[in-house]
Protein backbone atom coordinates (compact mmCIF):
# COMPACT_ATOMS: atom_id res chain seq x y z
CA UNK A 1 81.98 104.90 111.35
CA UNK A 2 80.78 105.93 107.91
CA UNK A 3 83.77 107.23 105.97
CA UNK A 4 83.52 108.87 102.56
CA UNK A 5 86.53 109.24 100.26
CA UNK A 6 86.53 111.85 97.50
CA UNK A 7 88.75 110.24 94.89
CA UNK A 8 89.79 110.08 91.29
CA UNK A 9 87.84 107.42 89.33
CA UNK A 10 88.43 104.08 91.05
CA UNK A 11 89.50 102.35 87.85
CA UNK A 12 92.45 104.77 87.58
CA UNK A 13 93.89 104.01 91.04
CA UNK A 14 97.16 102.08 91.14
CA UNK A 15 96.32 100.05 94.22
CA UNK A 16 99.83 98.65 94.65
CA UNK A 17 101.01 102.12 95.68
CA UNK A 18 97.94 104.28 96.29
CA UNK A 19 97.74 105.72 99.81
CA UNK A 20 93.96 106.21 99.67
CA UNK A 21 93.58 102.51 98.90
CA UNK A 22 95.75 101.66 101.92
CA UNK A 23 93.54 103.83 104.13
CA UNK A 24 90.36 102.27 102.75
CA UNK A 25 91.71 98.77 103.39
CA UNK A 26 92.63 99.72 106.94
CA UNK A 27 89.20 101.24 107.53
CA UNK A 28 87.47 98.16 106.09
CA UNK A 29 89.54 95.89 108.35
CA UNK A 30 88.02 97.78 111.30
CA UNK A 31 84.50 97.28 109.93
CA UNK A 32 83.96 100.93 109.07
CA UNK A 33 81.54 101.59 106.22
CA UNK A 34 83.27 103.05 103.16
CA UNK A 35 81.72 105.29 100.53
CA UNK A 36 83.25 106.89 97.47
CA UNK A 37 82.43 110.26 95.94
CA UNK A 38 83.63 111.67 92.64
CA UNK A 39 84.49 115.34 92.42
CA UNK A 40 81.57 116.04 90.09
CA UNK A 41 79.21 114.47 92.64
CA UNK A 42 79.51 117.43 95.05
CA UNK A 43 76.34 119.49 94.74
CA UNK A 44 74.60 122.47 96.33
CA UNK A 45 70.86 121.73 96.25
CA UNK A 46 67.95 123.10 98.29
CA UNK A 47 70.29 125.13 100.52
CA UNK A 48 72.36 122.06 101.43
CA UNK A 49 75.60 120.52 100.23
CA UNK A 50 74.79 116.99 99.11
CA UNK A 51 76.63 114.38 97.13
CA UNK A 52 76.09 111.30 95.04
CA UNK A 53 77.85 108.54 96.97
CA UNK A 54 78.32 104.82 96.44
CA UNK A 55 79.13 102.28 99.10
CA UNK A 56 82.38 100.45 98.51
CA UNK A 57 83.23 96.84 99.28
CA UNK A 58 86.84 95.78 98.85
CA UNK A 59 87.74 92.46 97.30
CA UNK A 60 91.03 90.61 97.06
CA UNK A 61 92.57 91.77 93.77
CA UNK A 62 93.46 89.11 91.22
CA UNK A 63 95.31 91.38 88.81
CA UNK A 64 92.58 92.14 86.29
CA UNK A 65 92.50 95.87 87.01
CA UNK A 66 89.14 96.75 88.57
CA UNK A 67 88.32 93.53 90.38
CA UNK A 68 89.44 94.93 93.75
CA UNK A 69 86.18 96.71 94.52
CA UNK A 70 82.43 96.43 94.30
CA UNK A 71 80.34 99.59 94.22
CA UNK A 72 76.84 99.88 95.59
CA UNK A 73 74.06 101.92 94.02
CA UNK A 74 74.41 105.67 93.68
CA UNK A 75 72.49 107.61 96.33
CA UNK A 76 72.17 111.32 97.07
CA UNK A 77 73.15 112.03 100.67
CA UNK A 78 73.90 115.14 102.73
CA UNK A 79 77.59 115.48 103.49
CA UNK A 80 76.95 115.40 107.23
CA UNK A 81 75.59 111.86 106.84
CA UNK A 82 79.20 110.68 107.11
CA UNK A 83 81.34 110.61 110.23
CA UNK A 84 84.24 111.91 108.16
CA UNK A 85 84.83 112.92 104.56
CA UNK A 86 88.41 112.50 103.35
CA UNK A 87 89.32 114.78 100.45
CA UNK A 88 91.78 112.66 98.49
CA UNK A 89 91.32 113.97 94.96
CA UNK A 90 94.70 114.31 93.30
CA UNK A 91 95.83 117.64 91.88
CA UNK A 92 96.04 119.56 89.58
CA UNK A 93 94.66 122.29 91.77
CA UNK A 94 92.55 123.87 89.03
CA UNK A 95 89.33 125.88 89.18
CA UNK A 96 87.22 122.72 89.59
CA UNK A 97 89.34 121.72 92.57
CA UNK A 98 88.86 125.21 93.98
CA UNK A 99 85.09 124.99 93.56
CA UNK A 100 85.13 121.65 95.37
CA UNK A 101 86.84 123.26 98.37
CA UNK A 102 84.17 125.97 98.43
CA UNK A 103 81.42 123.35 98.50
CA UNK A 104 83.22 121.33 101.16
CA UNK A 105 83.68 124.41 103.31
CA UNK A 106 79.94 125.08 103.09
CA UNK A 107 79.37 121.45 104.05
CA UNK A 108 81.55 121.96 107.13
CA UNK A 109 79.32 124.84 108.20
CA UNK A 110 76.39 122.46 107.95
CA UNK A 111 78.02 119.92 110.24
CA UNK A 112 80.20 117.81 107.97
CA UNK A 113 83.68 116.82 109.09
CA UNK A 114 86.14 117.19 106.20
CA UNK A 115 89.77 116.00 106.22
CA UNK A 116 91.88 117.95 105.29
CA UNK A 117 90.24 121.29 105.99
CA UNK A 118 89.07 122.68 102.63
CA UNK A 119 89.98 126.21 103.65
CA UNK A 120 93.51 125.13 104.55
CA UNK A 121 93.86 123.14 101.33
CA UNK A 122 93.25 126.45 99.56
CA UNK A 123 95.46 128.50 101.86
CA UNK A 124 98.45 126.14 101.80
CA UNK A 125 99.70 126.27 98.24
CA UNK A 126 102.06 123.31 98.24
CA UNK A 127 104.99 125.36 96.95
CA UNK A 128 104.35 128.72 98.67
CA UNK A 129 103.38 127.35 102.09
CA UNK A 130 107.04 126.88 103.01
CA UNK A 131 107.28 130.68 103.30
CA UNK A 132 105.44 130.34 106.61
CA UNK A 133 108.56 128.60 107.94
CA UNK A 134 111.50 130.58 106.50
CA UNK A 135 113.98 129.11 108.97
CA UNK A 136 113.84 125.82 107.04
CA UNK A 137 113.69 127.17 103.46
CA UNK A 138 116.44 127.20 100.86
CA UNK A 139 117.11 130.58 99.21
CA UNK A 140 113.88 131.21 97.31
CA UNK A 141 112.38 133.80 94.98
CA UNK A 142 108.72 133.99 93.91
CA UNK A 143 107.99 136.35 91.02
CA UNK A 144 107.00 136.60 87.38
CA UNK A 145 109.56 139.29 86.61
CA UNK A 146 112.34 137.85 84.46
CA UNK A 147 115.04 140.38 85.46
CA UNK A 148 114.64 139.37 89.11
CA UNK A 149 114.92 135.69 88.20
CA UNK A 150 118.06 136.41 86.17
CA UNK A 151 119.53 138.27 89.13
CA UNK A 152 118.72 135.29 91.38
CA UNK A 153 120.32 132.94 88.84
CA UNK A 154 123.52 135.00 88.66
CA UNK A 155 123.68 135.07 92.47
CA UNK A 156 123.26 131.30 92.98
CA UNK A 157 124.47 130.08 89.54
CA UNK A 158 122.49 126.80 89.73
CA UNK A 159 118.75 127.01 90.42
CA UNK A 160 115.45 125.15 90.16
CA UNK A 161 112.36 126.74 88.58
CA UNK A 162 108.90 125.49 89.58
CA UNK A 163 105.36 126.31 88.50
CA UNK A 164 103.20 127.03 91.56
CA UNK A 165 100.36 124.75 90.43
CA UNK A 166 102.14 121.56 89.38
CA UNK A 167 102.49 118.16 90.99
CA UNK A 168 104.73 115.12 90.70
CA UNK A 169 107.71 117.10 89.45
CA UNK A 170 106.00 118.24 86.26
CA UNK A 171 107.15 121.46 84.65
CA UNK A 172 110.30 121.76 86.79
CA UNK A 173 113.54 123.05 85.24
CA UNK A 174 117.09 123.15 86.52
CA UNK A 175 119.15 125.93 84.93
CA UNK A 176 122.75 127.14 85.22
CA UNK A 177 123.94 130.68 84.63
CA UNK A 178 125.90 129.46 81.59
CA UNK A 179 122.90 127.82 79.90
CA UNK A 180 122.10 129.16 76.45
CA UNK A 181 118.35 128.52 76.72
CA UNK A 182 117.69 130.51 79.91
CA UNK A 183 115.69 133.24 78.19
CA UNK A 184 113.33 130.91 76.37
CA UNK A 185 112.84 128.81 79.53
CA UNK A 186 111.88 131.91 81.49
CA UNK A 187 109.58 133.12 78.72
CA UNK A 188 107.89 129.72 78.63
CA UNK A 189 107.54 129.29 82.38
CA UNK A 190 106.34 132.83 83.10
CA UNK A 191 104.21 133.02 79.94
CA UNK A 192 106.13 136.16 78.99
CA UNK A 193 105.88 137.66 82.45
CA UNK A 194 102.20 136.86 83.09
CA UNK A 195 102.56 133.81 85.39
CA UNK A 196 104.27 133.75 88.80
CA UNK A 197 106.80 130.97 89.42
CA UNK A 198 109.19 129.90 92.16
CA UNK A 199 112.97 129.84 91.91
CA UNK A 200 115.10 128.01 94.48
CA UNK A 201 118.81 127.47 94.86
CA UNK A 202 119.69 123.98 93.64
CA UNK A 203 120.29 121.65 96.60
CA UNK A 204 123.00 119.11 95.70
CA UNK A 205 121.87 116.74 98.46
CA UNK A 206 119.08 115.71 96.08
CA UNK A 207 121.39 112.82 95.09
CA UNK A 208 120.59 111.33 98.52
CA UNK A 209 116.87 111.72 97.95
CA UNK A 210 113.95 114.10 98.17
CA UNK A 211 112.55 112.94 101.50
CA UNK A 212 108.78 112.71 101.99
CA UNK A 213 107.98 113.01 105.70
CA UNK A 214 104.39 112.18 106.60
CA UNK A 215 102.74 114.06 109.46
CA UNK A 216 99.54 112.54 110.86
CA UNK A 217 97.65 114.61 113.42
CA UNK A 218 100.83 116.61 113.89
CA UNK A 219 103.02 113.57 114.64
CA UNK A 220 105.64 112.32 112.19
CA UNK A 221 105.65 108.81 110.80
CA UNK A 222 109.03 107.50 112.04
CA UNK A 223 110.25 106.74 108.51
CA UNK A 224 110.68 109.10 105.56
CA UNK A 225 110.48 107.95 101.96
CA UNK A 226 113.65 109.24 100.26
CA UNK A 227 112.91 109.51 96.54
CA UNK A 228 116.27 109.16 94.81
CA UNK A 229 116.57 110.48 91.24
CA UNK A 230 117.49 108.14 88.43
CA UNK A 231 120.85 108.83 86.74
CA UNK A 232 120.83 112.06 84.76
CA UNK A 233 117.69 113.37 86.48
CA UNK A 234 117.38 116.09 89.14
CA UNK A 235 113.83 115.19 90.20
CA UNK A 236 113.29 112.41 92.69
CA UNK A 237 109.55 112.03 92.11
CA UNK A 238 108.55 108.39 91.72
CA UNK A 239 106.54 109.13 88.57
CA UNK A 240 109.69 110.55 86.93
CA UNK A 241 111.66 107.36 87.60
CA UNK A 242 112.88 108.04 91.12
CA UNK A 243 113.44 105.16 93.53
CA UNK A 244 111.72 105.31 96.92
CA UNK A 245 113.88 104.22 99.86
CA UNK A 246 112.36 104.27 103.35
CA UNK A 247 114.72 105.48 106.06
CA UNK A 248 114.45 106.55 109.70
CA UNK A 249 113.96 110.24 110.30
CA UNK A 250 117.12 112.19 111.11
CA UNK A 251 117.23 114.47 114.12
CA UNK A 252 116.83 117.46 111.80
CA UNK A 253 113.85 115.84 110.05
CA UNK A 254 112.27 115.46 113.48
CA UNK A 255 112.97 119.09 114.31
CA UNK A 256 111.21 120.24 111.14
CA UNK A 257 108.26 117.90 111.77
CA UNK A 258 107.91 118.85 115.43
CA UNK A 259 108.05 122.57 114.59
CA UNK A 260 105.42 122.41 111.84
CA UNK A 261 103.15 119.75 113.34
CA UNK A 262 101.21 121.81 115.92
CA UNK A 263 100.46 124.67 113.51
CA UNK A 264 99.35 122.32 110.74
CA UNK A 265 96.97 120.52 113.10
CA UNK A 266 95.61 123.85 114.28
CA UNK A 267 94.85 124.63 110.64
CA UNK A 268 92.83 121.42 110.27
CA UNK A 269 95.49 119.55 108.30
CA UNK A 270 95.40 115.98 109.60
CA UNK A 271 97.58 114.39 106.90
CA UNK A 272 100.50 116.34 105.46
CA UNK A 273 103.56 115.40 103.43
CA UNK A 274 106.70 117.47 104.00
CA UNK A 275 109.33 117.41 101.27
CA UNK A 276 112.87 117.85 102.59
CA UNK A 277 116.11 117.87 100.59
CA UNK A 278 119.24 117.95 102.71
CA UNK A 279 118.30 120.31 105.52
CA UNK A 280 115.82 122.35 103.46
CA UNK A 281 112.03 122.22 103.46
CA UNK A 282 110.96 122.51 99.82
CA UNK A 283 107.20 121.75 99.80
CA UNK A 284 104.24 121.14 102.12
CA UNK A 285 101.82 118.71 100.50
CA UNK A 286 98.24 118.95 101.78
CA UNK A 287 96.02 117.71 98.94
CA UNK A 288 96.61 113.95 98.78
CA UNK A 289 100.03 113.06 100.26
CA UNK A 290 101.36 109.64 99.35
CA UNK A 291 104.12 107.27 100.44
CA UNK A 292 102.13 105.15 102.88
CA UNK A 293 102.41 101.87 100.98
CA UNK A 294 106.10 102.20 100.13
CA UNK A 295 106.95 102.82 103.78
CA UNK A 296 104.85 99.85 104.91
CA UNK A 297 106.38 97.46 102.38
CA UNK A 298 109.93 98.40 103.34
CA UNK A 299 109.62 98.84 107.12
CA UNK A 300 106.35 97.26 108.23
CA UNK A 301 105.20 100.53 109.78
CA UNK A 302 101.45 100.91 109.27
CA UNK A 303 100.96 104.62 108.51
CA UNK A 304 97.47 103.84 107.16
CA UNK A 305 96.60 102.50 110.61
CA UNK A 306 98.04 105.62 112.20
CA UNK A 307 95.85 107.72 109.90
CA UNK A 308 92.64 105.81 110.65
CA UNK A 309 93.49 106.03 114.36
CA UNK A 310 93.63 109.82 113.92
CA UNK A 311 90.30 109.88 112.08
CA UNK A 312 88.71 107.85 114.88
CA UNK A 313 90.25 109.91 117.68
CA UNK A 314 89.98 113.48 116.40
């Protein structure tokens, strides 16, 4: 197969933990041809979605940074020239990301196979998508009206505030009803009532980890990556100092995964990361879910192989 990966610049990838790198290595081990595309290389030209793509050959890294790959020459190709195009560009989900999904959706209409579905990437805001499954949500409020947020705070006394367009735990606040800086935090986060945010009841089980459950073709990887916050921190994200601990899925984790899996597949979402704290679903990650390498290193389970199996079979 000819597989194209839409990625951040290759020199920025941290290959010791990057899930896209794990998938590319798995694909290369099966003798699939690998190509890379940068976001700016998606183009509408002569009534066709085309791209500038480079072939990619993987090398054994020696630790010098960019010695793990060799790129071929840059060629313009139609998107349907590939057997599958994997959209693995990291957020932020800004206007350029949005434009990329429009181009990829047009490419689908012209015969390209894009994973994950660009329409569903747009439709499943990673914070708001949990509202499709209210039976698993913590108490949640989405608004830009400060009086409603204050009312929610007084009701639950300890809450989390999230921007709807962030990633990796950035811009998240935990506030108590006795905090003296509540007003300025709300003014900052809502941009004085002009930006919608999410408020959720604080879930104390975060001390046991914010679990990332990977769904591949609707089936859960049998291990979750519990991201445990460092002391004094309420965010478990690895880039905020959290520690990733792989652990078998609980029965309730399986129930969440088995409930969501069929609908997510129906929506064209082949690889999804569910975030679960305690017994609450807090996010549905559809852009470029990670955790594959950490799970493999700790358990030996090859989620990258499971993903390439799904690309080959679906």
